[in-house]
Every structure is written in C-alpha cells, then in structure tokens.
Amino acid sequence: MTTVDPRADLSALHGPGGSGVRFTLGQYVSLTKPRIIELLLITTIPVMFLAQGGVPDLLLVLVTLVGGSLSAGAANTLNCYFDRDIDAVMHRTSKRPLVTGVISPGRALTFGLTLAVLSTLWLGLLVNWLSAGLALGALLLYVVGYTLVLKRRTAQNIVWGGAAGCMPVLIGWSAVTGQVSWAAVVLFLVIFFWTPPHYWPLSMRYKDDYANAHVPMLPVVERFVVVARQIVVYSWAMVLTSLALIPVQGVGWVYAVAAVASGALFLIEAHRLLSRAKAGVAEDVLKPMRLFHFSITYLTILFIGVALDPIWHLPLPGLS
C-alpha cells in the first residue's frame, strides 16, 4: 500500500489561479496573514505611547513595527507551511497559496525562514536585542509550541499557543524602555485571557471544518454550552486584569472609561452567548461570530485608551 505524505506538494491537485509578478507577490503577502498582523499592530503602537508616557520617537515606532511585522509574517508563513494538509481540508483555508499550488512548500519554507532571520537582525540592530529576542520567542512559541506541538494534540491549544500573540506588548514596551515592566506584563495577560473568547467563537462557527481536519479545538470536543461557559470565565479574567493596569501603572480616566465601557459590553455579549447555548438554539441563532467580531472592537477600544491616556492624562482620585 502506498502512503502519501500529508505535507506533500498539492500543486498537482490544484492549479495556480493566476500568473504574473504582481499576482505572485500578492500570494506571498497572503502567506504572512496581514489581517492577523493588523491585530498585533493595534497592541504594539499604544503600548509604546504608554511606555514613553506620551508620544514616542516616531522613527522608533516605525522601525519596531516593520521588525514586528516581519517577525509575525515569518511565523504565519511557517504556520501555513506546516498546516498545509489541514488547510487543504478546511473550506475556510482552502484558497491559501500552498493549497492551490501557486507557491511550492519549499519556497514558502525559504520565505518564512528568511523573514525570521531578517526580522531578528532588524530588531536587534535597529531597536535592541531584548526586543529581537522577544520577537524570536514569539515566533518559536507560535510555530513550535502552537502549530507543531499543541494544535493537533489538545483542546487547550489556543489557550497556551495564544501566548505568542501576547508578545507584541512586551516588544513594544522593551523597544521604548529597554526592559519589561509590570504594566507590560498586565497587558500581556489581558491579551492572554482575551485570546480564547476571541478564537473559540470562530471555532464554533467552523466546528465542522476543524472536525474534518482532526484538529481538537474545544468546540469540536465539547458541547457548545461548555465552550460558552469557558468563554465567560476567560472574559471575566480579561476584564478584571485590564482594570489591574489602573493601580499598577497609575493610568487615568481615559483608560479607565475605555476599559470599563468596552469590558462591560464584552461581558454582556459573552453572557448572551452562554444564555443562547444553554437554551440549545440552532447555530444560526447562537451567532458566535457576533462575539468574535466584537472581540476585535474591544481590543481596539482598550488599546486606544492605552495610547491616549498618557497624552490626555486625567488622574483618578488617589492615583495622581
């Protein structure tokens, strides 16, 4: 019996959907998952404002963002390389370049490793080596810890593997200060607790995709009501941790209002999802993507508060 390497080049099954330099460049860019990188930038820039206590050196911000984007792009490209067998099975990812055969696995691997080396040198030489080390650590967490070790083995994959997505706040802080403070750790934990309520609703929506690919996301192995309870638990941990930044960093009214208002709305949405799950409603009524989309809005509002607070600092009573 002939066995087939699940990570074999799939170009024989799927012909390229286009040609030309512009098209090919676009396909390489898509390997880096730009929409995920956007989320990382939402957290990196505001943290640099908070670390500076105002507007940081804009050239430093630009250099840090370029290095961080290259590092995240490397991690996402290598994720596409190792997960191309899964991507071929899942409808949501079936158009990725390694599945369609537009880009060969060998070229994708070379591209990812080149970005990894380039990003590390860029951050080390132009920012500092602590930021470079943190970025490299995030890359290894995502590619090795999440993609290769956790994703296919445990329903808690996104909880621990998601730690890689928390690293930009540490990178942004260290870029400005050359060290990592407790405020940066608090924001790291906010994103750590945010990741499951952000990703599990998406996994609920695409449960069948993950099941077909034999990826044990929590909604695949547990009832939706169990998943929704976990979402509520992590949501409360996230909101309470976000409030801890007030005494730790001495932030003022701008951040406090952003954290309380966005956090309250997040908790309302999380509890609504749990109520619908308890009622055993159909998936189209459950509407898990509602919380997924709002989770991005929440993170944006919260980190706008992080950026604006040191600029328009209005001290809270007893914290001035």
C-alpha atoms as a PDB file:
ATOM      1  CA  MET A   1       0.000   0.000   0.000  1.00  0.00           C
ATOM      2  CA  THR A   2       1.375   3.394  -0.999  1.00  0.00           C
ATOM      3  CA  THR A   3       1.368   6.086   1.682  1.00  0.00           C
ATOM      4  CA  VAL A   4       1.045   9.763   0.885  1.00  0.00           C
ATOM      5  CA  ASP A   5       2.925  12.412   2.791  1.00  0.00           C
ATOM      6  CA  PRO A   6       0.185  14.726   4.146  1.00  0.00           C
ATOM      7  CA  ARG A   7       2.564  17.642   3.668  1.00  0.00           C
ATOM      8  CA  ALA A   8       3.349  16.782   0.052  1.00  0.00           C
ATOM      9  CA  ASP A   9       3.181  19.465  -2.634  1.00  0.00           C
ATOM     10  CA  LEU A  10      -0.507  19.822  -3.501  1.00  0.00           C
ATOM     11  CA  SER A  11       0.034  21.690  -6.760  1.00  0.00           C
ATOM     12  CA  ALA A  12      -0.865  18.563  -8.719  1.00  0.00           C
ATOM     13  CA  LEU A  13      -4.368  18.748  -7.295  1.00  0.00           C
ATOM     14  CA  HIS A  14      -4.868  22.493  -7.598  1.00  0.00           C
ATOM     15  CA  GLY A  15      -3.553  24.545 -10.462  1.00  0.00           C
ATOM     16  CA  PRO A  16      -2.483  28.163  -9.974  1.00  0.00           C
ATOM     17  CA  GLY A  17      -5.277  30.703 -10.083  1.00  0.00           C
ATOM     18  CA  GLY A  18      -3.245  33.435 -11.788  1.00  0.00           C
ATOM     19  CA  SER A  19       0.119  34.495 -13.042  1.00  0.00           C
ATOM     20  CA  GLY A  20       2.444  37.454 -13.193  1.00  0.00           C
ATOM     21  CA  VAL A  21       4.769  39.147 -10.728  1.00  0.00           C
ATOM     22  CA  ARG A  22       2.049  41.193  -9.061  1.00  0.00           C
ATOM     23  CA  PHE A  23      -0.135  38.143  -8.507  1.00  0.00           C
ATOM     24  CA  THR A  24       2.753  36.090  -7.146  1.00  0.00           C
ATOM     25  CA  LEU A  25       3.832  38.852  -4.770  1.00  0.00           C
ATOM     26  CA  GLY A  26       0.259  39.066  -3.540  1.00  0.00           C
ATOM     27  CA  GLN A  27       0.278  35.345  -2.831  1.00  0.00           C
ATOM     28  CA  TYR A  28       3.488  35.625  -0.811  1.00  0.00           C
ATOM     29  CA  VAL A  29       1.981  38.507   1.161  1.00  0.00           C
ATOM     30  CA  SER A  30      -1.115  36.410   1.851  1.00  0.00           C
ATOM     31  CA  LEU A  31       1.121  33.748   3.434  1.00  0.00           C
ATOM     32  CA  THR A  32       2.020  36.295   6.111  1.00  0.00           C
ATOM     33  CA  LYS A  33      -1.691  36.726   7.048  1.00  0.00           C
ATOM     34  CA  PRO A  34      -1.797  40.551   7.005  1.00  0.00           C
ATOM     35  CA  ARG A  35      -5.112  40.727   8.875  1.00  0.00           C
ATOM     36  CA  ILE A  36      -3.546  38.978  11.867  1.00  0.00           C
ATOM     37  CA  ILE A  37      -0.578  41.353  11.709  1.00  0.00           C
ATOM     38  CA  GLU A  38      -3.032  44.280  11.891  1.00  0.00           C
ATOM     39  CA  LEU A  39      -4.220  42.983  15.266  1.00  0.00           C
ATOM     40  CA  LEU A  40      -0.633  42.843  16.502  1.00  0.00           C
ATOM     41  CA  LEU A  41      -0.066  46.463  15.471  1.00  0.00           C
ATOM     42  CA  ILE A  42      -3.206  47.507  17.364  1.00  0.00           C
ATOM     43  CA  THR A  43      -1.457  46.448  20.560  1.00  0.00           C
ATOM     44  CA  THR A  44       2.164  47.367  19.810  1.00  0.00           C
ATOM     45  CA  ILE A  45       1.767  51.075  18.999  1.00  0.00           C
ATOM     46  CA  PRO A  46      -0.359  52.078  22.032  1.00  0.00           C
ATOM     47  CA  VAL A  47       1.983  50.268  24.421  1.00  0.00           C
ATOM     48  CA  MET A  48       4.876  52.341  23.089  1.00  0.00           C
ATOM     49  CA  PHE A  49       2.911  55.510  23.929  1.00  0.00           C
ATOM     50  CA  LEU A  50       2.239  54.251  27.453  1.00  0.00           C
ATOM     51  CA  ALA A  51       5.863  53.206  27.979  1.00  0.00           C
ATOM     52  CA  GLN A  52       7.052  56.627  26.838  1.00  0.00           C
ATOM     53  CA  GLY A  53       4.458  58.481  28.920  1.00  0.00           C
ATOM     54  CA  GLY A  54       3.491  60.411  25.788  1.00  0.00           C
ATOM     55  CA  VAL A  55       4.395  60.389  22.108  1.00  0.00           C
ATOM     56  CA  PRO A  56       7.422  58.129  21.491  1.00  0.00           C
ATOM     57  CA  ASP A  57      10.068  58.672  18.846  1.00  0.00           C
ATOM     58  CA  LEU A  58       8.107  58.102  15.637  1.00  0.00           C
ATOM     59  CA  LEU A  59      11.103  56.643  13.823  1.00  0.00           C
ATOM     60  CA  LEU A  60      11.475  54.096  16.619  1.00  0.00           C
ATOM     61  CA  VAL A  61       7.766  53.265  16.286  1.00  0.00           C
ATOM     62  CA  LEU A  62       8.152  52.750  12.537  1.00  0.00           C
ATOM     63  CA  VAL A  63      11.279  50.617  12.876  1.00  0.00           C
ATOM     64  CA  THR A  64       9.651  48.491  15.600  1.00  0.00           C
ATOM     65  CA  LEU A  65       6.511  47.987  13.533  1.00  0.00           C
ATOM     66  CA  VAL A  66       8.492  46.915  10.478  1.00  0.00           C
ATOM     67  CA  GLY A  67      10.512  44.424  12.522  1.00  0.00           C
ATOM     68  CA  GLY A  68       7.443  43.137  14.338  1.00  0.00           C
ATOM     69  CA  SER A  69       5.519  42.752  11.083  1.00  0.00           C
ATOM     70  CA  LEU A  70       8.384  40.817   9.504  1.00  0.00           C
ATOM     71  CA  SER A  71       8.570  38.519  12.528  1.00  0.00           C
ATOM     72  CA  ALA A  72       4.809  37.929  12.607  1.00  0.00           C
ATOM     73  CA  GLY A  73       4.848  37.367   8.851  1.00  0.00           C
ATOM     74  CA  ALA A  74       7.562  34.754   9.284  1.00  0.00           C
ATOM     75  CA  ALA A  75       5.566  32.947  11.974  1.00  0.00           C
ATOM     76  CA  ASN A  76       2.393  32.974   9.878  1.00  0.00           C
ATOM     77  CA  THR A  77       4.214  31.772   6.762  1.00  0.00           C
ATOM     78  CA  LEU A  78       5.777  28.866   8.647  1.00  0.00           C
ATOM     79  CA  ASN A  79       2.353  28.099  10.128  1.00  0.00           C
ATOM     80  CA  CYS A  80       0.969  27.874   6.570  1.00  0.00           C
ATOM     81  CA  TYR A  81       3.856  25.580   5.633  1.00  0.00           C
ATOM     82  CA  PHE A  82       3.306  23.113   8.466  1.00  0.00           C
ATOM     83  CA  ASP A  83      -0.503  23.281   8.336  1.00  0.00           C
ATOM     84  CA  ARG A  84      -0.969  22.957   4.590  1.00  0.00           C
ATOM     85  CA  ASP A  85      -2.514  19.489   4.951  1.00  0.00           C
ATOM     86  CA  ILE A  86      -5.116  20.895   7.359  1.00  0.00           C
ATOM     87  CA  ASP A  87      -5.691  23.953   5.177  1.00  0.00           C
ATOM     88  CA  ALA A  88      -6.458  21.698   2.213  1.00  0.00           C
ATOM     89  CA  VAL A  89      -9.293  20.034   4.137  1.00  0.00           C
ATOM     90  CA  MET A  90     -10.843  23.142   5.699  1.00  0.00           C
ATOM     91  CA  HIS A  91     -13.131  25.208   3.493  1.00  0.00           C
ATOM     92  CA  ARG A  92     -12.098  28.445   5.228  1.00  0.00           C
ATOM     93  CA  THR A  93      -8.431  27.967   4.288  1.00  0.00           C
ATOM     94  CA  SER A  94      -8.731  26.048   1.026  1.00  0.00           C
ATOM     95  CA  LYS A  95      -7.662  29.036  -1.105  1.00  0.00           C
ATOM     96  CA  ARG A  96      -4.305  29.577   0.605  1.00  0.00           C
ATOM     97  CA  PRO A  97      -1.321  29.578  -1.807  1.00  0.00           C
ATOM     98  CA  LEU A  98       0.219  26.343  -0.541  1.00  0.00           C
ATOM     99  CA  VAL A  99      -3.093  24.549  -1.051  1.00  0.00           C
ATOM    100  CA  THR A 100      -3.749  25.887  -4.536  1.00  0.00           C
ATOM    101  CA  GLY A 101      -0.167  25.168  -5.553  1.00  0.00           C
ATOM    102  CA  VAL A 102       0.644  28.751  -6.529  1.00  0.00           C
ATOM    103  CA  ILE A 103       3.597  28.658  -4.120  1.00  0.00           C
ATOM    104  CA  SER A 104       5.571  25.470  -3.523  1.00  0.00           C
ATOM    105  CA  PRO A 105       6.245  24.246   0.036  1.00  0.00           C
ATOM    106  CA  GLY A 106       9.999  24.653  -0.442  1.00  0.00           C
ATOM    107  CA  ARG A 107       9.694  28.283  -1.486  1.00  0.00           C
ATOM    108  CA  ALA A 108       7.285  29.023   1.357  1.00  0.00           C
ATOM    109  CA  LEU A 109       9.700  27.488   3.874  1.00  0.00           C
ATOM    110  CA  THR A 110      12.591  29.518   2.474  1.00  0.00           C
ATOM    111  CA  PHE A 111      10.470  32.674   2.541  1.00  0.00           C
ATOM    112  CA  GLY A 112       9.421  32.094   6.149  1.00  0.00           C
ATOM    113  CA  LEU A 113      12.934  31.359   7.402  1.00  0.00           C
ATOM    114  CA  THR A 114      14.319  34.376   5.541  1.00  0.00           C
ATOM    115  CA  LEU A 115      11.740  36.650   7.176  1.00  0.00           C
ATOM    116  CA  ALA A 116      12.602  35.152  10.574  1.00  0.00           C
ATOM    117  CA  VAL A 117      16.311  35.891  10.208  1.00  0.00           C
ATOM    118  CA  LEU A 118      15.704  39.330   8.706  1.00  0.00           C
ATOM    119  CA  SER A 119      13.249  40.376  11.430  1.00  0.00           C
ATOM    120  CA  THR A 120      15.563  39.270  14.237  1.00  0.00           C
ATOM    121  CA  LEU A 121      18.528  41.153  12.798  1.00  0.00           C
ATOM    122  CA  TRP A 122      16.375  44.200  12.032  1.00  0.00           C
ATOM    123  CA  LEU A 123      15.061  44.482  15.587  1.00  0.00           C
ATOM    124  CA  GLY A 124      18.398  43.618  17.174  1.00  0.00           C
ATOM    125  CA  LEU A 125      20.426  46.131  15.185  1.00  0.00           C
ATOM    126  CA  LEU A 126      17.887  48.950  14.892  1.00  0.00           C
ATOM    127  CA  VAL A 127      15.865  48.643  18.135  1.00  0.00           C
ATOM    128  CA  ASN A 128      17.539  46.463  20.790  1.00  0.00           C
ATOM    129  CA  TRP A 129      18.366  42.818  21.313  1.00  0.00           C
ATOM    130  CA  LEU A 130      15.755  42.354  24.048  1.00  0.00           C
ATOM    131  CA  SER A 131      13.009  43.262  21.584  1.00  0.00           C
ATOM    132  CA  ALA A 132      14.615  40.998  18.987  1.00  0.00           C
ATOM    133  CA  GLY A 133      14.753  38.105  21.456  1.00  0.00           C
ATOM    134  CA  LEU A 134      11.112  38.604  22.455  1.00  0.00           C
ATOM    135  CA  ALA A 135      10.039  38.632  18.806  1.00  0.00           C
ATOM    136  CA  LEU A 136      12.013  35.464  18.106  1.00  0.00           C
ATOM    137  CA  GLY A 137      10.496  33.877  21.207  1.00  0.00           C
ATOM    138  CA  ALA A 138       7.003  34.747  19.964  1.00  0.00           C
ATOM    139  CA  LEU A 139       7.792  33.181  16.603  1.00  0.00           C
ATOM    140  CA  LEU A 140       9.024  29.961  18.202  1.00  0.00           C
ATOM    141  CA  LEU A 141       6.006  29.835  20.533  1.00  0.00           C
ATOM    142  CA  TYR A 142       3.642  30.095  17.592  1.00  0.00           C
ATOM    143  CA  VAL A 143       5.420  27.802  15.154  1.00  0.00           C
ATOM    144  CA  VAL A 144       6.783  25.155  17.519  1.00  0.00           C
ATOM    145  CA  GLY A 145       4.615  25.463  20.620  1.00  0.00           C
ATOM    146  CA  TYR A 146       1.259  26.023  18.950  1.00  0.00           C
ATOM    147  CA  THR A 147       1.492  24.758  15.368  1.00  0.00           C
ATOM    148  CA  LEU A 148       3.700  21.677  15.823  1.00  0.00           C
ATOM    149  CA  VAL A 149       3.019  20.616  19.422  1.00  0.00           C
ATOM    150  CA  LEU A 150      -0.355  21.814  20.715  1.00  0.00           C
ATOM    151  CA  LYS A 151      -2.722  22.401  17.820  1.00  0.00           C
ATOM    152  CA  ARG A 152      -3.276  18.758  16.863  1.00  0.00           C
ATOM    153  CA  ARG A 153      -2.998  17.304  20.358  1.00  0.00           C
ATOM    154  CA  THR A 154      -5.096  19.254  22.865  1.00  0.00           C
ATOM    155  CA  ALA A 155      -8.308  21.246  23.078  1.00  0.00           C
ATOM    156  CA  GLN A 156      -6.385  23.816  25.111  1.00  0.00           C
ATOM    157  CA  ASN A 157      -4.177  24.562  22.109  1.00  0.00           C
ATOM    158  CA  ILE A 158      -5.333  28.141  21.620  1.00  0.00           C
ATOM    159  CA  VAL A 159      -5.010  28.963  25.334  1.00  0.00           C
ATOM    160  CA  TRP A 160      -1.300  28.233  25.627  1.00  0.00           C
ATOM    161  CA  GLY A 161      -0.384  28.663  21.991  1.00  0.00           C
ATOM    162  CA  GLY A 162      -2.069  32.054  22.062  1.00  0.00           C
ATOM    163  CA  ALA A 163       0.696  33.356  24.314  1.00  0.00           C
ATOM    164  CA  ALA A 164       2.634  34.139  21.146  1.00  0.00           C
ATOM    165  CA  GLY A 165       0.033  36.743  20.245  1.00  0.00           C
ATOM    166  CA  CYS A 166       0.594  38.474  23.583  1.00  0.00           C
ATOM    167  CA  MET A 167       4.263  39.175  22.931  1.00  0.00           C
ATOM    168  CA  PRO A 168       3.864  42.411  20.889  1.00  0.00           C
ATOM    169  CA  VAL A 169       3.056  44.342  24.059  1.00  0.00           C
ATOM    170  CA  LEU A 170       6.350  43.210  25.586  1.00  0.00           C
ATOM    171  CA  ILE A 171       8.185  44.000  22.362  1.00  0.00           C
ATOM    172  CA  GLY A 172       6.679  47.480  22.155  1.00  0.00           C
ATOM    173  CA  TRP A 173       7.463  48.230  25.790  1.00  0.00           C
ATOM    174  CA  SER A 174      11.034  46.956  25.586  1.00  0.00           C
ATOM    175  CA  ALA A 175      11.606  48.922  22.370  1.00  0.00           C
ATOM    176  CA  VAL A 176      10.984  52.163  24.269  1.00  0.00           C
ATOM    177  CA  THR A 177      12.437  51.352  27.692  1.00  0.00           C
ATOM    178  CA  GLY A 178      14.934  48.546  27.069  1.00  0.00           C
ATOM    179  CA  GLN A 179      13.204  46.436  29.705  1.00  0.00           C
ATOM    180  CA  VAL A 180       9.854  44.835  30.590  1.00  0.00           C
ATOM    181  CA  SER A 181       7.752  46.290  33.421  1.00  0.00           C
ATOM    182  CA  TRP A 182       4.742  45.059  35.392  1.00  0.00           C
ATOM    183  CA  ALA A 183       2.459  47.247  33.266  1.00  0.00           C
ATOM    184  CA  ALA A 184       3.591  45.355  30.174  1.00  0.00           C
ATOM    185  CA  VAL A 185       3.005  42.052  31.964  1.00  0.00           C
ATOM    186  CA  VAL A 186      -0.554  43.126  32.860  1.00  0.00           C
ATOM    187  CA  LEU A 187      -1.304  43.950  29.225  1.00  0.00           C
ATOM    188  CA  PHE A 188       0.293  40.646  28.193  1.00  0.00           C
ATOM    189  CA  LEU A 189      -2.180  38.862  30.481  1.00  0.00           C
ATOM    190  CA  VAL A 190      -5.106  40.879  29.136  1.00  0.00           C
ATOM    191  CA  ILE A 191      -4.394  39.552  25.646  1.00  0.00           C
ATOM    192  CA  PHE A 192      -3.707  36.073  27.035  1.00  0.00           C
ATOM    193  CA  PHE A 193      -7.198  35.960  28.590  1.00  0.00           C
ATOM    194  CA  TRP A 194      -8.708  37.666  25.524  1.00  0.00           C
ATOM    195  CA  THR A 195      -7.489  35.041  23.063  1.00  0.00           C
ATOM    196  CA  PRO A 196      -9.905  32.175  23.961  1.00  0.00           C
ATOM    197  CA  PRO A 197     -13.063  34.365  23.928  1.00  0.00           C
ATOM    198  CA  HIS A 198     -11.819  35.767  20.625  1.00  0.00           C
ATOM    199  CA  TYR A 199     -10.935  32.478  18.931  1.00  0.00           C
ATOM    200  CA  TRP A 200     -13.405  29.961  20.353  1.00  0.00           C
ATOM    201  CA  PRO A 201     -16.461  31.687  18.803  1.00  0.00           C
ATOM    202  CA  LEU A 202     -14.696  31.408  15.430  1.00  0.00           C
ATOM    203  CA  SER A 203     -14.038  27.735  16.182  1.00  0.00           C
ATOM    204  CA  MET A 204     -17.731  27.284  16.999  1.00  0.00           C
ATOM    205  CA  ARG A 205     -18.672  28.750  13.632  1.00  0.00           C
ATOM    206  CA  TYR A 206     -16.206  26.484  11.793  1.00  0.00           C
ATOM    207  CA  LYS A 207     -16.556  23.451  14.034  1.00  0.00           C
ATOM    208  CA  ASP A 208     -17.130  21.065  11.126  1.00  0.00           C
ATOM    209  CA  ASP A 209     -14.025  22.330   9.344  1.00  0.00           C
ATOM    210  CA  TYR A 210     -11.855  21.620  12.372  1.00  0.00           C
ATOM    211  CA  ALA A 211     -13.524  18.249  12.942  1.00  0.00           C
ATOM    212  CA  ASN A 212     -12.877  17.200   9.329  1.00  0.00           C
ATOM    213  CA  ALA A 213      -9.236  18.220   9.732  1.00  0.00           C
ATOM    214  CA  HIS A 214      -8.988  16.295  13.039  1.00  0.00           C
ATOM    215  CA  VAL A 215      -7.989  19.413  14.962  1.00  0.00           C
ATOM    216  CA  PRO A 216      -9.333  19.126  18.541  1.00  0.00           C
ATOM    217  CA  MET A 217     -10.476  22.712  19.041  1.00  0.00           C
ATOM    218  CA  LEU A 218     -12.598  22.976  22.182  1.00  0.00           C
ATOM    219  CA  PRO A 219     -15.912  23.344  20.272  1.00  0.00           C
ATOM    220  CA  VAL A 220     -15.095  20.096  18.445  1.00  0.00           C
ATOM    221  CA  VAL A 221     -14.634  18.002  21.584  1.00  0.00           C
ATOM    222  CA  GLU A 222     -17.085  19.729  23.955  1.00  0.00           C
ATOM    223  CA  ARG A 223     -20.719  20.837  23.809  1.00  0.00           C
ATOM    224  CA  PHE A 224     -21.247  24.486  22.922  1.00  0.00           C
ATOM    225  CA  VAL A 225     -22.607  25.235  26.383  1.00  0.00           C
ATOM    226  CA  VAL A 226     -19.304  24.059  27.911  1.00  0.00           C
ATOM    227  CA  VAL A 227     -17.376  26.238  25.478  1.00  0.00           C
ATOM    228  CA  ALA A 228     -19.592  29.228  26.253  1.00  0.00           C
ATOM    229  CA  ARG A 229     -19.003  28.791  29.991  1.00  0.00           C
ATOM    230  CA  GLN A 230     -15.262  28.800  29.384  1.00  0.00           C
ATOM    231  CA  ILE A 231     -15.643  31.925  27.266  1.00  0.00           C
ATOM    232  CA  VAL A 232     -17.429  33.683  30.122  1.00  0.00           C
ATOM    233  CA  VAL A 233     -14.716  32.664  32.605  1.00  0.00           C
ATOM    234  CA  TYR A 234     -11.916  33.961  30.406  1.00  0.00           C
ATOM    235  CA  SER A 235     -13.894  37.115  29.630  1.00  0.00           C
ATOM    236  CA  TRP A 236     -14.197  37.970  33.314  1.00  0.00           C
ATOM    237  CA  ALA A 237     -10.494  37.249  33.849  1.00  0.00           C
ATOM    238  CA  MET A 238      -9.668  39.522  30.903  1.00  0.00           C
ATOM    239  CA  VAL A 239     -11.781  42.450  32.109  1.00  0.00           C
ATOM    240  CA  LEU A 240     -10.565  42.231  35.710  1.00  0.00           C
ATOM    241  CA  THR A 241      -6.955  42.033  34.541  1.00  0.00           C
ATOM    242  CA  SER A 242      -7.463  45.095  32.336  1.00  0.00           C
ATOM    243  CA  LEU A 243      -8.593  47.027  35.422  1.00  0.00           C
ATOM    244  CA  ALA A 244      -5.422  45.988  37.247  1.00  0.00           C
ATOM    245  CA  LEU A 245      -3.473  48.326  34.966  1.00  0.00           C
ATOM    246  CA  ILE A 246      -5.057  51.288  36.789  1.00  0.00           C
ATOM    247  CA  PRO A 247      -3.177  50.818  40.080  1.00  0.00           C
ATOM    248  CA  VAL A 248      -0.126  49.173  38.504  1.00  0.00           C
ATOM    249  CA  GLN A 249       0.618  51.970  36.028  1.00  0.00           C
ATOM    250  CA  GLY A 250      -1.401  54.798  37.560  1.00  0.00           C
ATOM    251  CA  VAL A 251      -3.403  55.389  34.379  1.00  0.00           C
ATOM    252  CA  GLY A 252      -6.235  57.883  34.494  1.00  0.00           C
ATOM    253  CA  TRP A 253      -9.814  58.453  33.422  1.00  0.00           C
ATOM    254  CA  VAL A 254      -9.266  57.960  29.686  1.00  0.00           C
ATOM    255  CA  TYR A 255      -8.056  54.397  30.056  1.00  0.00           C
ATOM    256  CA  ALA A 256     -10.450  53.624  32.928  1.00  0.00           C
ATOM    257  CA  VAL A 257     -13.515  54.656  30.916  1.00  0.00           C
ATOM    258  CA  ALA A 258     -12.314  52.705  27.863  1.00  0.00           C
ATOM    259  CA  ALA A 259     -11.622  49.589  29.944  1.00  0.00           C
ATOM    260  CA  VAL A 260     -14.875  49.663  31.908  1.00  0.00           C
ATOM    261  CA  ALA A 261     -17.158  50.521  28.992  1.00  0.00           C
ATOM    262  CA  SER A 262     -15.661  48.067  26.480  1.00  0.00           C
ATOM    263  CA  GLY A 263     -15.271  45.407  29.164  1.00  0.00           C
ATOM    264  CA  ALA A 264     -18.915  45.694  30.226  1.00  0.00           C
ATOM    265  CA  LEU A 265     -20.081  45.315  26.626  1.00  0.00           C
ATOM    266  CA  PHE A 266     -17.797  42.302  26.161  1.00  0.00           C
ATOM    267  CA  LEU A 267     -19.203  40.605  29.254  1.00  0.00           C
ATOM    268  CA  ILE A 268     -22.761  41.263  28.075  1.00  0.00           C
ATOM    269  CA  GLU A 269     -22.007  39.617  24.731  1.00  0.00           C
ATOM    270  CA  ALA A 270     -20.254  36.670  26.399  1.00  0.00           C
ATOM    271  CA  HIS A 271     -23.184  36.052  28.767  1.00  0.00           C
ATOM    272  CA  ARG A 272     -25.653  36.358  25.879  1.00  0.00           C
ATOM    273  CA  LEU A 273     -23.728  33.648  24.034  1.00  0.00           C
ATOM    274  CA  LEU A 274     -23.889  31.445  27.142  1.00  0.00           C
ATOM    275  CA  SER A 275     -27.629  32.030  27.532  1.00  0.00           C
ATOM    276  CA  ARG A 276     -28.269  31.049  23.922  1.00  0.00           C
ATOM    277  CA  ALA A 277     -26.036  27.983  24.293  1.00  0.00           C
ATOM    278  CA  LYS A 278     -27.912  26.907  27.433  1.00  0.00           C
ATOM    279  CA  ALA A 279     -31.169  27.213  25.521  1.00  0.00           C
ATOM    280  CA  GLY A 280     -29.805  24.807  22.918  1.00  0.00           C
ATOM    281  CA  VAL A 281     -30.593  27.085  19.985  1.00  0.00           C
ATOM    282  CA  ALA A 282     -29.523  26.365  16.433  1.00  0.00           C
ATOM    283  CA  GLU A 283     -26.156  27.675  15.252  1.00  0.00           C
ATOM    284  CA  ASP A 284     -27.711  30.456  13.163  1.00  0.00           C
ATOM    285  CA  VAL A 285     -29.447  31.705  16.315  1.00  0.00           C
ATOM    286  CA  LEU A 286     -26.405  31.117  18.541  1.00  0.00           C
ATOM    287  CA  LYS A 287     -24.442  33.654  16.456  1.00  0.00           C
ATOM    288  CA  PRO A 288     -20.951  33.017  17.900  1.00  0.00           C
ATOM    289  CA  MET A 289     -19.355  35.294  15.288  1.00  0.00           C
ATOM    290  CA  ARG A 290     -21.041  38.252  16.956  1.00  0.00           C
ATOM    291  CA  LEU A 291     -18.678  37.897  19.895  1.00  0.00           C
ATOM    292  CA  PHE A 292     -15.741  37.174  17.590  1.00  0.00           C
ATOM    293  CA  HIS A 293     -16.209  40.450  15.741  1.00  0.00           C
ATOM    294  CA  PHE A 294     -16.841  42.420  18.916  1.00  0.00           C
ATOM    295  CA  SER A 295     -13.682  40.998  20.484  1.00  0.00           C
ATOM    296  CA  ILE A 296     -11.666  42.881  17.847  1.00  0.00           C
ATOM    297  CA  THR A 297     -13.613  46.067  18.598  1.00  0.00           C
ATOM    298  CA  TYR A 298     -12.957  45.546  22.307  1.00  0.00           C
ATOM    299  CA  LEU A 299      -9.223  45.219  21.841  1.00  0.00           C
ATOM    300  CA  THR A 300      -9.161  48.293  19.617  1.00  0.00           C
ATOM    301  CA  ILE A 301     -11.067  50.449  22.129  1.00  0.00           C
ATOM    302  CA  LEU A 302      -8.996  49.252  25.062  1.00  0.00           C
ATOM    303  CA  PHE A 303      -5.677  49.967  23.385  1.00  0.00           C
ATOM    304  CA  ILE A 304      -6.834  53.327  22.074  1.00  0.00           C
ATOM    305  CA  GLY A 305      -7.331  54.085  25.762  1.00  0.00           C
ATOM    306  CA  VAL A 306      -3.797  52.828  26.444  1.00  0.00           C
ATOM    307  CA  ALA A 307      -2.385  55.202  23.816  1.00  0.00           C
ATOM    308  CA  LEU A 308      -4.436  58.284  24.664  1.00  0.00           C
ATOM    309  CA  ASP A 309      -4.226  58.116  28.461  1.00  0.00           C
ATOM    310  CA  PRO A 310      -0.611  59.329  28.765  1.00  0.00           C
ATOM    311  CA  ILE A 311      -1.363  62.135  26.279  1.00  0.00           C
ATOM    312  CA  TRP A 312      -4.593  63.350  27.886  1.00  0.00           C
ATOM    313  CA  HIS A 313      -3.827  62.148  31.396  1.00  0.00           C
ATOM    314  CA  LEU A 314      -6.688  62.890  33.780  1.00  0.00           C
ATOM    315  CA  PRO A 315      -5.674  61.329  37.118  1.00  0.00           C
ATOM    316  CA  LEU A 316      -8.122  59.210  39.056  1.00  0.00           C
ATOM    317  CA  PRO A 317      -8.665  60.174  42.709  1.00  0.00           C
ATOM    318  CA  GLY A 318      -5.912  58.786  44.896  1.00  0.00           C
ATOM    319  CA  LEU A 319      -3.724  57.838  41.908  1.00  0.00           C
ATOM    320  CA  SER A 320      -2.367  61.217  40.890  1.00  0.00           C
END
